[in-house]
Amino acid sequence: MEGDWLAPICAYCERGDPGFWAEPVNALSNGAYLVAAALATARVRRARTSDAPALLLSALVAVVGVGSFLFHTLAVRWSLLADVIPIALFIYAYFLLAMRRYFDLGIGAALAATLAFAAFNLGLEPALDGLTGRSTDALTNGSLAYAPAILALAGVAAGLLTPRGPLGPAQPEAGLGLLDPARREAGLGLLDPARREAGLGLLTLAKHEAGLGLLGVAALFAISLGFRTLDRAVCPVWPLGTHAVWHLLNAGVLYGLIAVAVRYRRHRS
């Protein structure tokens, strides 16, 4: 078992030997995650509202950077887990946050949706392998694992951009805190029909802005995933590969996701 965990992995174009600094560009580009984590934390602090989920996600971004650095330097099987587990935790944590924050689901429904998403995520690759008779992981250089995340991100954005949003006209109180006197006085939804409509307009605007923001992040995610996929293909002409570009752009993706969530919460406060 010890031999298995310490077995070397050569997964990227830049690595030509099992040495610690065999992937210097890939390794050092993980600093982008630390920068993104610091910027995201600062963004949460500037919002001047308590947002523990966003702070937790910011910390996870830093852990993603550390885990990826370990994998691109040590390049053994246990360090692969240090790379992929924090990424998976961020994906599922953000999905759960999206269900709660953007769609106002209860904790039980949000957890059920997250578990369903996880099942789809875990089952997609084996299903495609069975249909094609080929290893889709090998064909995509391991990038297929991120396809469900892009699909989920696009789905959340589409839900937010749907007219009047997921709350629907029959239950505006679910997200507006109409019975809270302080928020009522702030104009976020009195029982007066005119002001309720104004509150719904603000909510719809916030959802629309978040939806557009997430679509932009999804586009950046798709571009970054393209660079990840092309890494080995460009080896003959570019020995450094393109995986480091994935790190740089994906750090922007993670920061963007947190920024959208923080901005949406501030608009709802």
C-alpha atoms as a PDB file:
ATOM      1  CA  MET A   1       0.000   0.000   0.000  1.00  0.00           C
ATOM      2  CA  GLU A   2       2.844   2.397   0.843  1.00  0.00           C
ATOM      3  CA  GLY A   3       4.324   1.799  -2.578  1.00  0.00           C
ATOM      4  CA  ASP A   4       0.962   2.571  -4.171  1.00  0.00           C
ATOM      5  CA  TRP A   5       0.586   5.891  -2.334  1.00  0.00           C
ATOM      6  CA  LEU A   6       4.135   6.905  -3.256  1.00  0.00           C
ATOM      7  CA  ALA A   7       3.913   5.806  -6.881  1.00  0.00           C
ATOM      8  CA  PRO A   8       5.021   8.676  -9.152  1.00  0.00           C
ATOM      9  CA  ILE A   9       2.506  10.284 -11.504  1.00  0.00           C
ATOM     10  CA  CYS A  10       3.462  12.004 -14.738  1.00  0.00           C
ATOM     11  CA  ALA A  11       0.223  13.660 -15.790  1.00  0.00           C
ATOM     12  CA  TYR A  12       1.271  16.933 -17.425  1.00  0.00           C
ATOM     13  CA  CYS A  13       3.381  18.099 -20.325  1.00  0.00           C
ATOM     14  CA  GLU A  14       5.883  20.074 -18.250  1.00  0.00           C
ATOM     15  CA  ARG A  15       6.965  17.105 -16.122  1.00  0.00           C
ATOM     16  CA  GLY A  16       9.911  15.274 -17.642  1.00  0.00           C
ATOM     17  CA  ASP A  17      11.169  13.467 -14.518  1.00  0.00           C
ATOM     18  CA  PRO A  18       9.958  12.639 -10.979  1.00  0.00           C
ATOM     19  CA  GLY A  19      11.930  15.472  -9.364  1.00  0.00           C
ATOM     20  CA  PHE A  20      10.387  17.992  -6.957  1.00  0.00           C
ATOM     21  CA  TRP A  21      10.904  20.960  -9.323  1.00  0.00           C
ATOM     22  CA  ALA A  22      10.135  19.102 -12.541  1.00  0.00           C
ATOM     23  CA  GLU A  23       7.041  21.324 -12.993  1.00  0.00           C
ATOM     24  CA  PRO A  24       8.196  24.775 -11.853  1.00  0.00           C
ATOM     25  CA  VAL A  25       5.689  26.768 -13.916  1.00  0.00           C
ATOM     26  CA  ASN A  26       2.761  24.548 -12.973  1.00  0.00           C
ATOM     27  CA  ALA A  27       3.815  24.597  -9.325  1.00  0.00           C
ATOM     28  CA  LEU A  28       4.402  28.334  -8.988  1.00  0.00           C
ATOM     29  CA  SER A  29       1.263  29.269 -10.921  1.00  0.00           C
ATOM     30  CA  ASN A  30      -0.705  27.939  -7.954  1.00  0.00           C
ATOM     31  CA  GLY A  31       0.165  31.193  -6.249  1.00  0.00           C
ATOM     32  CA  ALA A  32      -2.779  32.593  -8.219  1.00  0.00           C
ATOM     33  CA  TYR A  33      -5.112  30.655  -5.921  1.00  0.00           C
ATOM     34  CA  LEU A  34      -3.572  32.277  -2.860  1.00  0.00           C
ATOM     35  CA  VAL A  35      -4.022  35.707  -4.440  1.00  0.00           C
ATOM     36  CA  ALA A  36      -7.627  34.845  -5.324  1.00  0.00           C
ATOM     37  CA  ALA A  37      -8.272  33.668  -1.757  1.00  0.00           C
ATOM     38  CA  ALA A  38      -6.867  36.901  -0.326  1.00  0.00           C
ATOM     39  CA  LEU A  39      -8.897  39.039  -2.731  1.00  0.00           C
ATOM     40  CA  ALA A  40     -12.068  37.076  -2.008  1.00  0.00           C
ATOM     41  CA  THR A  41     -11.569  37.455   1.746  1.00  0.00           C
ATOM     42  CA  ALA A  42     -11.034  41.187   1.307  1.00  0.00           C
ATOM     43  CA  ARG A  43     -14.200  41.341  -0.810  1.00  0.00           C
ATOM     44  CA  VAL A  44     -16.200  39.706   1.971  1.00  0.00           C
ATOM     45  CA  ARG A  45     -14.762  42.099   4.565  1.00  0.00           C
ATOM     46  CA  ARG A  46     -15.608  45.136   2.437  1.00  0.00           C
ATOM     47  CA  ALA A  47     -19.225  44.010   2.156  1.00  0.00           C
ATOM     48  CA  ARG A  48     -19.592  44.720   5.908  1.00  0.00           C
ATOM     49  CA  THR A  49     -22.086  41.896   6.340  1.00  0.00           C
ATOM     50  CA  SER A  50     -21.580  38.605   8.133  1.00  0.00           C
ATOM     51  CA  ASP A  51     -20.967  35.982   5.440  1.00  0.00           C
ATOM     52  CA  ALA A  52     -19.409  32.871   6.937  1.00  0.00           C
ATOM     53  CA  PRO A  53     -20.084  30.684   3.850  1.00  0.00           C
ATOM     54  CA  ALA A  54     -18.162  33.097   1.612  1.00  0.00           C
ATOM     55  CA  LEU A  55     -15.258  33.194   4.068  1.00  0.00           C
ATOM     56  CA  LEU A  56     -15.210  29.393   4.161  1.00  0.00           C
ATOM     57  CA  LEU A  57     -15.131  29.269   0.365  1.00  0.00           C
ATOM     58  CA  SER A  58     -12.288  31.796   0.351  1.00  0.00           C
ATOM     59  CA  ALA A  59     -10.311  29.568   2.712  1.00  0.00           C
ATOM     60  CA  LEU A  60     -11.021  26.590   0.451  1.00  0.00           C
ATOM     61  CA  VAL A  61      -9.526  28.480  -2.497  1.00  0.00           C
ATOM     62  CA  ALA A  62      -6.268  28.792  -0.543  1.00  0.00           C
ATOM     63  CA  VAL A  63      -6.385  25.069   0.281  1.00  0.00           C
ATOM     64  CA  VAL A  64      -6.908  24.323  -3.427  1.00  0.00           C
ATOM     65  CA  GLY A  65      -3.710  26.235  -4.172  1.00  0.00           C
ATOM     66  CA  VAL A  66      -1.702  24.411  -1.521  1.00  0.00           C
ATOM     67  CA  GLY A  67      -3.032  21.004  -2.587  1.00  0.00           C
ATOM     68  CA  SER A  68      -2.298  21.663  -6.244  1.00  0.00           C
ATOM     69  CA  PHE A  69       1.219  22.860  -5.381  1.00  0.00           C
ATOM     70  CA  LEU A  70       1.846  19.607  -3.530  1.00  0.00           C
ATOM     71  CA  PHE A  71       0.703  17.560  -6.500  1.00  0.00           C
ATOM     72  CA  HIS A  72       2.770  19.496  -9.040  1.00  0.00           C
ATOM     73  CA  THR A  73       5.914  19.142  -6.926  1.00  0.00           C
ATOM     74  CA  LEU A  74       5.657  15.748  -5.215  1.00  0.00           C
ATOM     75  CA  ALA A  75       3.610  14.158  -8.035  1.00  0.00           C
ATOM     76  CA  VAL A  76       2.688  10.984  -6.159  1.00  0.00           C
ATOM     77  CA  ARG A  77      -0.677   9.362  -5.559  1.00  0.00           C
ATOM     78  CA  TRP A  78      -1.369  10.759  -2.107  1.00  0.00           C
ATOM     79  CA  SER A  79      -0.616  14.283  -3.339  1.00  0.00           C
ATOM     80  CA  LEU A  80      -3.140  13.740  -6.129  1.00  0.00           C
ATOM     81  CA  LEU A  81      -5.777  13.428  -3.399  1.00  0.00           C
ATOM     82  CA  ALA A  82      -4.486  16.655  -1.847  1.00  0.00           C
ATOM     83  CA  ASP A  83      -5.135  18.234  -5.244  1.00  0.00           C
ATOM     84  CA  VAL A  84      -8.579  16.902  -6.127  1.00  0.00           C
ATOM     85  CA  ILE A  85     -10.335  16.750  -2.731  1.00  0.00           C
ATOM     86  CA  PRO A  86     -10.254  20.515  -2.007  1.00  0.00           C
ATOM     87  CA  ILE A  87     -11.516  21.204  -5.542  1.00  0.00           C
ATOM     88  CA  ALA A  88     -14.409  18.789  -5.055  1.00  0.00           C
ATOM     89  CA  LEU A  89     -15.215  20.333  -1.679  1.00  0.00           C
ATOM     90  CA  PHE A  90     -15.356  23.798  -3.248  1.00  0.00           C
ATOM     91  CA  ILE A  91     -17.621  22.629  -6.071  1.00  0.00           C
ATOM     92  CA  TYR A  92     -20.135  20.957  -3.769  1.00  0.00           C
ATOM     93  CA  ALA A  93     -19.973  23.703  -1.142  1.00  0.00           C
ATOM     94  CA  TYR A  94     -20.676  26.373  -3.749  1.00  0.00           C
ATOM     95  CA  PHE A  95     -23.525  24.346  -5.233  1.00  0.00           C
ATOM     96  CA  LEU A  96     -25.068  24.036  -1.772  1.00  0.00           C
ATOM     97  CA  LEU A  97     -24.631  27.770  -1.223  1.00  0.00           C
ATOM     98  CA  ALA A  98     -26.255  28.474  -4.600  1.00  0.00           C
ATOM     99  CA  MET A  99     -29.301  26.399  -3.705  1.00  0.00           C
ATOM    100  CA  ARG A 100     -29.649  28.209  -0.385  1.00  0.00           C
ATOM    101  CA  ARG A 101     -28.719  31.758  -1.357  1.00  0.00           C
ATOM    102  CA  TYR A 102     -29.970  32.147  -4.913  1.00  0.00           C
ATOM    103  CA  PHE A 103     -33.020  29.882  -4.794  1.00  0.00           C
ATOM    104  CA  ASP A 104     -33.974  30.116  -1.100  1.00  0.00           C
ATOM    105  CA  LEU A 105     -34.194  26.339  -0.639  1.00  0.00           C
ATOM    106  CA  GLY A 106     -34.406  24.929   2.862  1.00  0.00           C
ATOM    107  CA  ILE A 107     -31.377  23.080   4.148  1.00  0.00           C
ATOM    108  CA  GLY A 108     -32.942  19.672   3.514  1.00  0.00           C
ATOM    109  CA  ALA A 109     -33.898  20.451  -0.075  1.00  0.00           C
ATOM    110  CA  ALA A 110     -30.524  22.087  -0.734  1.00  0.00           C
ATOM    111  CA  LEU A 111     -28.658  19.049   0.600  1.00  0.00           C
ATOM    112  CA  ALA A 112     -30.829  16.728  -1.491  1.00  0.00           C
ATOM    113  CA  ALA A 113     -30.100  18.779  -4.612  1.00  0.00           C
ATOM    114  CA  THR A 114     -26.379  18.741  -3.819  1.00  0.00           C
ATOM    115  CA  LEU A 115     -26.389  14.970  -3.353  1.00  0.00           C
ATOM    116  CA  ALA A 116     -28.213  14.563  -6.668  1.00  0.00           C
ATOM    117  CA  PHE A 117     -25.602  16.764  -8.334  1.00  0.00           C
ATOM    118  CA  ALA A 118     -22.815  14.699  -6.757  1.00  0.00           C
ATOM    119  CA  ALA A 119     -24.414  11.484  -8.038  1.00  0.00           C
ATOM    120  CA  PHE A 120     -24.624  12.940 -11.548  1.00  0.00           C
ATOM    121  CA  ASN A 121     -21.025  14.114 -11.291  1.00  0.00           C
ATOM    122  CA  LEU A 122     -19.742  10.720 -10.208  1.00  0.00           C
ATOM    123  CA  GLY A 123     -21.841   8.798 -12.724  1.00  0.00           C
ATOM    124  CA  LEU A 124     -21.243  10.843 -15.868  1.00  0.00           C
ATOM    125  CA  GLU A 125     -17.792   9.573 -16.779  1.00  0.00           C
ATOM    126  CA  PRO A 126     -18.556   5.837 -16.316  1.00  0.00           C
ATOM    127  CA  ALA A 127     -21.751   6.274 -18.323  1.00  0.00           C
ATOM    128  CA  LEU A 128     -19.932   7.971 -21.194  1.00  0.00           C
ATOM    129  CA  ASP A 129     -17.162   5.375 -21.072  1.00  0.00           C
ATOM    130  CA  GLY A 130     -19.794   2.668 -21.423  1.00  0.00           C
ATOM    131  CA  LEU A 131     -21.509   4.423 -24.317  1.00  0.00           C
ATOM    132  CA  THR A 132     -18.343   5.172 -26.265  1.00  0.00           C
ATOM    133  CA  GLY A 133     -16.275   2.150 -25.302  1.00  0.00           C
ATOM    134  CA  ARG A 134     -13.343   4.496 -24.710  1.00  0.00           C
ATOM    135  CA  SER A 135     -11.787   6.291 -21.761  1.00  0.00           C
ATOM    136  CA  THR A 136     -13.292   9.766 -21.871  1.00  0.00           C
ATOM    137  CA  ASP A 137     -10.920  10.761 -19.071  1.00  0.00           C
ATOM    138  CA  ALA A 138      -7.945  10.018 -21.318  1.00  0.00           C
ATOM    139  CA  LEU A 139      -9.561  11.706 -24.314  1.00  0.00           C
ATOM    140  CA  THR A 140     -10.119  14.930 -22.370  1.00  0.00           C
ATOM    141  CA  ASN A 141      -6.903  14.809 -20.316  1.00  0.00           C
ATOM    142  CA  GLY A 142      -9.008  14.478 -17.163  1.00  0.00           C
ATOM    143  CA  SER A 143     -11.096  17.563 -17.909  1.00  0.00           C
ATOM    144  CA  LEU A 144     -14.390  15.710 -18.280  1.00  0.00           C
ATOM    145  CA  ALA A 145     -14.623  15.607 -14.483  1.00  0.00           C
ATOM    146  CA  TYR A 146     -15.328  19.347 -14.538  1.00  0.00           C
ATOM    147  CA  ALA A 147     -18.098  19.225 -17.149  1.00  0.00           C
ATOM    148  CA  PRO A 148     -20.884  18.752 -14.560  1.00  0.00           C
ATOM    149  CA  ALA A 149     -19.664  21.850 -12.723  1.00  0.00           C
ATOM    150  CA  ILE A 150     -19.972  23.960 -15.879  1.00  0.00           C
ATOM    151  CA  LEU A 151     -23.423  22.518 -16.580  1.00  0.00           C
ATOM    152  CA  ALA A 152     -24.533  23.236 -13.017  1.00  0.00           C
ATOM    153  CA  LEU A 153     -23.164  26.766 -13.195  1.00  0.00           C
ATOM    154  CA  ALA A 154     -25.006  27.418 -16.447  1.00  0.00           C
ATOM    155  CA  GLY A 155     -28.181  25.938 -14.954  1.00  0.00           C
ATOM    156  CA  VAL A 156     -28.001  28.161 -11.875  1.00  0.00           C
ATOM    157  CA  ALA A 157     -27.415  31.198 -14.093  1.00  0.00           C
ATOM    158  CA  ALA A 158     -30.397  30.275 -16.266  1.00  0.00           C
ATOM    159  CA  GLY A 159     -32.583  29.910 -13.185  1.00  0.00           C
ATOM    160  CA  LEU A 160     -31.571  33.333 -11.948  1.00  0.00           C
ATOM    161  CA  LEU A 161     -32.238  34.903 -15.344  1.00  0.00           C
ATOM    162  CA  THR A 162     -35.724  33.393 -15.596  1.00  0.00           C
ATOM    163  CA  PRO A 163     -38.319  36.219 -15.422  1.00  0.00           C
ATOM    164  CA  ARG A 164     -39.330  37.020 -11.820  1.00  0.00           C
ATOM    165  CA  GLY A 165     -36.776  34.448 -10.619  1.00  0.00           C
ATOM    166  CA  PRO A 166     -37.403  31.168  -8.797  1.00  0.00           C
ATOM    167  CA  LEU A 167     -39.452  32.769  -6.021  1.00  0.00           C
ATOM    168  CA  GLY A 168     -42.419  33.325  -8.319  1.00  0.00           C
ATOM    169  CA  PRO A 169     -45.153  35.911  -7.835  1.00  0.00           C
ATOM    170  CA  ALA A 170     -47.009  33.957  -5.170  1.00  0.00           C
ATOM    171  CA  GLN A 171     -44.272  33.926  -2.521  1.00  0.00           C
ATOM    172  CA  PRO A 172     -42.206  37.118  -2.511  1.00  0.00           C
ATOM    173  CA  GLU A 173     -41.918  36.993   1.256  1.00  0.00           C
ATOM    174  CA  ALA A 174     -39.605  33.981   1.060  1.00  0.00           C
ATOM    175  CA  GLY A 175     -36.625  36.127   0.171  1.00  0.00           C
ATOM    176  CA  LEU A 176     -37.623  39.632   1.214  1.00  0.00           C
ATOM    177  CA  GLY A 177     -38.042  39.406   4.962  1.00  0.00           C
ATOM    178  CA  LEU A 178     -41.314  41.333   4.766  1.00  0.00           C
ATOM    179  CA  LEU A 179     -42.165  40.923   8.420  1.00  0.00           C
ATOM    180  CA  ASP A 180     -38.826  42.294   9.675  1.00  0.00           C
ATOM    181  CA  PRO A 181     -39.545  45.941  10.630  1.00  0.00           C
ATOM    182  CA  ALA A 182     -36.017  47.159   9.933  1.00  0.00           C
ATOM    183  CA  ARG A 183     -35.929  45.659   6.467  1.00  0.00           C
ATOM    184  CA  ARG A 184     -39.492  46.802   5.876  1.00  0.00           C
ATOM    185  CA  GLU A 185     -38.482  50.387   6.599  1.00  0.00           C
ATOM    186  CA  ALA A 186     -35.478  49.998   4.327  1.00  0.00           C
ATOM    187  CA  GLY A 187     -37.906  49.457   1.475  1.00  0.00           C
ATOM    188  CA  LEU A 188     -37.321  45.742   0.948  1.00  0.00           C
ATOM    189  CA  GLY A 189     -40.942  44.827   0.939  1.00  0.00           C
ATOM    190  CA  LEU A 190     -43.822  46.382   2.814  1.00  0.00           C
ATOM    191  CA  LEU A 191     -47.239  44.848   2.607  1.00  0.00           C
ATOM    192  CA  ASP A 192     -48.185  47.908   0.571  1.00  0.00           C
ATOM    193  CA  PRO A 193     -48.576  46.576  -3.001  1.00  0.00           C
ATOM    194  CA  ALA A 194     -46.614  49.390  -4.623  1.00  0.00           C
ATOM    195  CA  ARG A 195     -43.636  49.004  -2.301  1.00  0.00           C
ATOM    196  CA  ARG A 196     -43.846  45.231  -2.542  1.00  0.00           C
ATOM    197  CA  GLU A 197     -43.533  45.541  -6.300  1.00  0.00           C
ATOM    198  CA  ALA A 198     -40.557  47.837  -5.784  1.00  0.00           C
ATOM    199  CA  GLY A 199     -38.981  45.234  -3.520  1.00  0.00           C
ATOM    200  CA  LEU A 200     -39.625  42.513  -6.061  1.00  0.00           C
ATOM    201  CA  GLY A 201     -38.069  44.717  -8.702  1.00  0.00           C
ATOM    202  CA  LEU A 202     -34.916  45.048  -6.614  1.00  0.00           C
ATOM    203  CA  LEU A 203     -34.848  41.306  -6.028  1.00  0.00           C
ATOM    204  CA  THR A 204     -35.342  40.566  -9.719  1.00  0.00           C
ATOM    205  CA  LEU A 205     -32.557  42.996 -10.566  1.00  0.00           C
ATOM    206  CA  ALA A 206     -30.236  41.309  -8.050  1.00  0.00           C
ATOM    207  CA  LYS A 207     -31.033  37.877  -9.492  1.00  0.00           C
ATOM    208  CA  HIS A 208     -30.507  39.131 -13.040  1.00  0.00           C
ATOM    209  CA  GLU A 209     -27.148  40.643 -12.102  1.00  0.00           C
ATOM    210  CA  ALA A 210     -26.072  37.435 -10.357  1.00  0.00           C
ATOM    211  CA  GLY A 211     -27.195  35.339 -13.327  1.00  0.00           C
ATOM    212  CA  LEU A 212     -25.182  37.429 -15.764  1.00  0.00           C
ATOM    213  CA  GLY A 213     -22.206  37.293 -13.424  1.00  0.00           C
ATOM    214  CA  LEU A 214     -22.363  33.510 -13.222  1.00  0.00           C
ATOM    215  CA  LEU A 215     -22.675  33.229 -17.005  1.00  0.00           C
ATOM    216  CA  GLY A 216     -19.495  35.260 -17.329  1.00  0.00           C
ATOM    217  CA  VAL A 217     -17.754  33.037 -14.801  1.00  0.00           C
ATOM    218  CA  ALA A 218     -18.988  29.934 -16.664  1.00  0.00           C
ATOM    219  CA  ALA A 219     -17.507  31.290 -19.904  1.00  0.00           C
ATOM    220  CA  LEU A 220     -14.156  31.896 -18.200  1.00  0.00           C
ATOM    221  CA  PHE A 221     -14.363  28.404 -16.700  1.00  0.00           C
ATOM    222  CA  ALA A 222     -14.907  26.888 -20.155  1.00  0.00           C
ATOM    223  CA  ILE A 223     -11.893  28.762 -21.538  1.00  0.00           C
ATOM    224  CA  SER A 224      -9.698  27.682 -18.624  1.00  0.00           C
ATOM    225  CA  LEU A 225     -10.852  24.094 -19.063  1.00  0.00           C
ATOM    226  CA  GLY A 226      -9.849  24.276 -22.713  1.00  0.00           C
ATOM    227  CA  PHE A 227      -6.285  25.129 -21.706  1.00  0.00           C
ATOM    228  CA  ARG A 228      -6.305  22.241 -19.235  1.00  0.00           C
ATOM    229  CA  THR A 229      -7.474  19.839 -21.945  1.00  0.00           C
ATOM    230  CA  LEU A 230      -4.886  20.964 -24.508  1.00  0.00           C
ATOM    231  CA  ASP A 231      -1.889  20.538 -22.189  1.00  0.00           C
ATOM    232  CA  ARG A 232      -0.547  17.279 -23.618  1.00  0.00           C
ATOM    233  CA  ALA A 233      -1.585  18.040 -27.188  1.00  0.00           C
ATOM    234  CA  VAL A 234       0.692  21.085 -27.394  1.00  0.00           C
ATOM    235  CA  CYS A 235       3.739  19.318 -25.906  1.00  0.00           C
ATOM    236  CA  PRO A 236       5.509  18.836 -29.265  1.00  0.00           C
ATOM    237  CA  VAL A 237       5.476  22.593 -29.940  1.00  0.00           C
ATOM    238  CA  TRP A 238       5.352  24.027 -26.390  1.00  0.00           C
ATOM    239  CA  PRO A 239       7.167  21.867 -23.807  1.00  0.00           C
ATOM    240  CA  LEU A 240       5.791  23.843 -20.857  1.00  0.00           C
ATOM    241  CA  GLY A 241       2.247  22.880 -21.784  1.00  0.00           C
ATOM    242  CA  THR A 242      -0.841  24.927 -20.973  1.00  0.00           C
ATOM    243  CA  HIS A 243      -1.781  23.619 -17.535  1.00  0.00           C
ATOM    244  CA  ALA A 244      -0.418  26.705 -15.789  1.00  0.00           C
ATOM    245  CA  VAL A 245      -2.887  28.846 -17.750  1.00  0.00           C
ATOM    246  CA  TRP A 246      -5.646  26.674 -16.296  1.00  0.00           C
ATOM    247  CA  HIS A 247      -4.396  27.561 -12.820  1.00  0.00           C
ATOM    248  CA  LEU A 248      -4.336  31.295 -13.546  1.00  0.00           C
ATOM    249  CA  LEU A 249      -7.769  31.425 -15.159  1.00  0.00           C
ATOM    250  CA  ASN A 250      -9.366  29.006 -12.726  1.00  0.00           C
ATOM    251  CA  ALA A 251      -8.203  31.145  -9.811  1.00  0.00           C
ATOM    252  CA  GLY A 252     -10.183  33.938 -11.454  1.00  0.00           C
ATOM    253  CA  VAL A 253     -13.172  31.608 -11.742  1.00  0.00           C
ATOM    254  CA  LEU A 254     -13.153  30.789  -8.030  1.00  0.00           C
ATOM    255  CA  TYR A 255     -12.785  34.443  -7.080  1.00  0.00           C
ATOM    256  CA  GLY A 256     -15.610  35.370  -9.450  1.00  0.00           C
ATOM    257  CA  LEU A 257     -17.956  32.796  -7.940  1.00  0.00           C
ATOM    258  CA  ILE A 258     -17.375  34.154  -4.447  1.00  0.00           C
ATOM    259  CA  ALA A 259     -17.671  37.767  -5.605  1.00  0.00           C
ATOM    260  CA  VAL A 260     -21.067  37.094  -7.208  1.00  0.00           C
ATOM    261  CA  ALA A 261     -22.338  35.404  -4.036  1.00  0.00           C
ATOM    262  CA  VAL A 262     -21.107  38.253  -1.820  1.00  0.00           C
ATOM    263  CA  ARG A 263     -22.605  40.940  -4.048  1.00  0.00           C
ATOM    264  CA  TYR A 264     -25.945  39.126  -4.183  1.00  0.00           C
ATOM    265  CA  ARG A 265     -26.086  38.809  -0.402  1.00  0.00           C
ATOM    266  CA  ARG A 266     -25.298  42.497  -0.002  1.00  0.00           C
ATOM    267  CA  HIS A 267     -28.152  43.416  -2.337  1.00  0.00           C
ATOM    268  CA  ARG A 268     -30.514  41.197  -0.348  1.00  0.00           C
ATOM    269  CA  SER A 269     -29.464  42.615   3.035  1.00  0.00           C
END
